[in-house]
Amino acid sequence: MADAEITSPAAALQPLHPFDVLLQLEQRIRERAPVEAAGMQLSEIRGRLALRLSSWNLLFSMDDVAEIIPVPRNITRVPGVKRWLLGIANLRGKVISVSDLRDFLIERPTQRLPGSQIVVVRAGDWDYGLMVDEIVGMRHFGPQHRTPSLDAVEANLRPYVIEAFLNDNQHWLAFNTGKLLADPRFLNAAN
């Protein structure tokens, strides 16, 4: 067994971070996907993080997601900022801003429920925490699921949606976090 991988019992018992589990699931699906048989490119079926925000089913690119964390107990409020900027939090020694994504988009605060999570997205050297109602898991959509138009997308959400999918009578909106993080309205949270 020259090439066998040996793991210590302690390493085998360590719990995996939820984000690592999602990455492992995506990798297994990508390995098993009949890409050539369907005539699609691998990028067309790439998994996306599925989440719920109000009545919307959103999809975040896994390239944009740094990690998923529970809502921090200690979010330090910053005076003189818009309500949707909940404050700052310490994430393993790094300070991140924490924003209520729903409140930013439609000016209705998210109720913190047991399923609420923070999706940490990265832009350059900065990490931003976006509070969402619930993480659903990974979703994979091919071109056959793409909807031809974004006309039905609500006006407040439309600037951040790059494409939409329909599967099992549910609409899924591909959310572009890069557009959000470049939006002057998001970057200028001062009152």
Foldseek 3Di string as FASTA:
>chain_A
DVPDDDDDPVVVPDDDAPLVVLVVVQVVCLVPDPQVVVVHDSVQFRKFWWAAAPPAIETEHPVFFPGKFADDPDFDDDPQFAVQFRHWDQDPNDIETEGAVNCLQPVDGDDDDPQWMWGWTDDVPHIYTYIGRHTDGIDTDGPVFWDPDPVPPDPSQVVQFDTWGADPNHIYTYGHVVSVVPDVCNVGRGD
